[in-house]
Amino acid sequence: MTDAPNSPDTQLDYRVAHLAERLASGRLGELGVRLELRGDTVLLTGTVPSAECRDEILATAREELAHHPVHSDLLVAGTSSPDHGEDLT
């Protein structure tokens, strides 16, 4: 059975798709953030370069998906330089 065009499930699917397009077309598009719909909850996964980027993505997701739970498994990539040289012997 398919969902009616205006059913809550279909509307959430469209909102998640719109969020994915919004993230991909914005300045954060190269981050490779993935969105998964699990029931009425949206899970964001991927790796981002900074905590600020993660916070911006979460704020955008919560704005776009108001009234739906948003969970994050976004990892912040380590960008600090190594504290010692690598021994290649």
Protein backbone atom coordinates (compact mmCIF):
# COMPACT_ATOMS: atom_id res chain seq x y z
CA MET A 1 0.00 0.00 0.00
CA THR A 2 1.40 3.41 -0.89
CA ASP A 3 1.13 6.52 1.25
CA ALA A 4 -1.29 9.22 0.20
CA PRO A 5 0.50 12.35 -1.12
CA ASN A 6 -0.34 14.38 1.99
CA SER A 7 0.15 11.68 4.62
CA PRO A 8 2.55 12.49 7.47
CA ASP A 9 4.99 9.77 6.33
CA THR A 10 5.15 11.15 2.79
CA GLN A 11 5.52 14.71 4.07
CA LEU A 12 8.45 13.65 6.26
CA ASP A 13 10.07 11.88 3.29
CA TYR A 14 9.83 15.12 1.30
CA ARG A 15 11.20 17.17 4.20
CA VAL A 16 14.17 14.81 4.59
CA ALA A 17 14.83 14.97 0.83
CA HIS A 18 14.62 18.77 0.95
CA LEU A 19 17.08 18.84 3.87
CA ALA A 20 19.50 16.60 1.95
CA GLU A 21 19.31 18.97 -1.04
CA ARG A 22 19.76 21.99 1.23
CA LEU A 23 22.86 20.51 2.84
CA ALA A 24 24.31 19.42 -0.51
CA SER A 25 23.75 22.77 -2.20
CA GLY A 26 24.99 24.95 0.64
CA ARG A 27 28.52 25.72 1.69
CA LEU A 28 28.60 22.45 3.66
CA GLY A 29 27.85 20.30 0.62
CA GLU A 30 31.20 18.57 0.40
CA LEU A 31 30.92 17.04 3.87
CA GLY A 32 29.19 13.81 2.90
CA VAL A 33 26.52 13.91 5.59
CA ARG A 34 23.99 11.13 5.16
CA LEU A 35 20.39 11.19 6.38
CA GLU A 36 18.49 8.05 7.32
CA LEU A 37 14.79 7.96 8.12
CA ARG A 38 13.95 5.52 10.91
CA GLY A 39 10.25 5.69 11.64
CA ASP A 40 9.59 9.33 12.47
CA THR A 41 13.20 9.90 13.58
CA VAL A 42 15.99 11.19 11.33
CA LEU A 43 19.58 10.03 11.88
CA LEU A 44 22.48 12.10 10.55
CA THR A 45 25.78 10.26 9.98
CA GLY A 46 29.12 11.19 8.50
CA THR A 47 32.32 13.07 9.29
CA VAL A 48 32.61 16.85 9.50
CA PRO A 49 35.75 18.99 9.79
CA SER A 50 34.80 20.93 12.93
CA ALA A 51 32.40 21.13 15.84
CA GLU A 52 31.07 24.40 14.39
CA CYS A 53 30.13 22.63 11.13
CA ARG A 54 28.43 19.86 13.10
CA ASP A 55 26.46 22.41 15.12
CA GLU A 56 25.40 24.27 11.96
CA ILE A 57 24.22 21.05 10.31
CA LEU A 58 22.25 20.03 13.40
CA ALA A 59 20.64 23.47 13.65
CA THR A 60 19.66 23.29 9.97
CA ALA A 61 18.23 19.78 10.42
CA ARG A 62 16.25 20.74 13.50
CA GLU A 63 14.88 23.81 11.72
CA GLU A 64 13.88 21.85 8.61
CA LEU A 65 12.47 18.89 10.55
CA ALA A 66 10.72 20.74 13.37
CA HIS A 67 8.52 18.45 15.52
CA HIS A 68 10.50 15.33 14.51
CA PRO A 69 13.35 13.83 16.51
CA VAL A 70 16.81 14.33 14.99
CA HIS A 71 19.69 12.13 16.19
CA SER A 72 23.30 12.73 15.30
CA ASP A 73 26.17 10.32 14.76
CA LEU A 74 28.27 13.05 13.13
CA LEU A 75 31.97 12.65 13.88
CA VAL A 76 34.37 15.56 14.02
CA ALA A 77 37.56 14.77 12.08
CA GLY A 78 40.81 15.19 13.95
CA THR A 79 42.66 18.05 12.30
CA SER A 80 45.46 18.58 14.78
CA SER A 81 49.03 18.00 13.66
CA PRO A 82 50.85 14.93 14.97
CA ASP A 83 52.84 15.41 18.17
CA HIS A 84 55.73 13.20 16.97
CA GLY A 85 57.32 12.01 13.75
CA GLU A 86 56.40 8.70 12.20
CA ASP A 87 59.13 6.03 12.27
CA LEU A 88 59.19 4.17 8.94
CA THR A 89 61.97 1.68 9.61
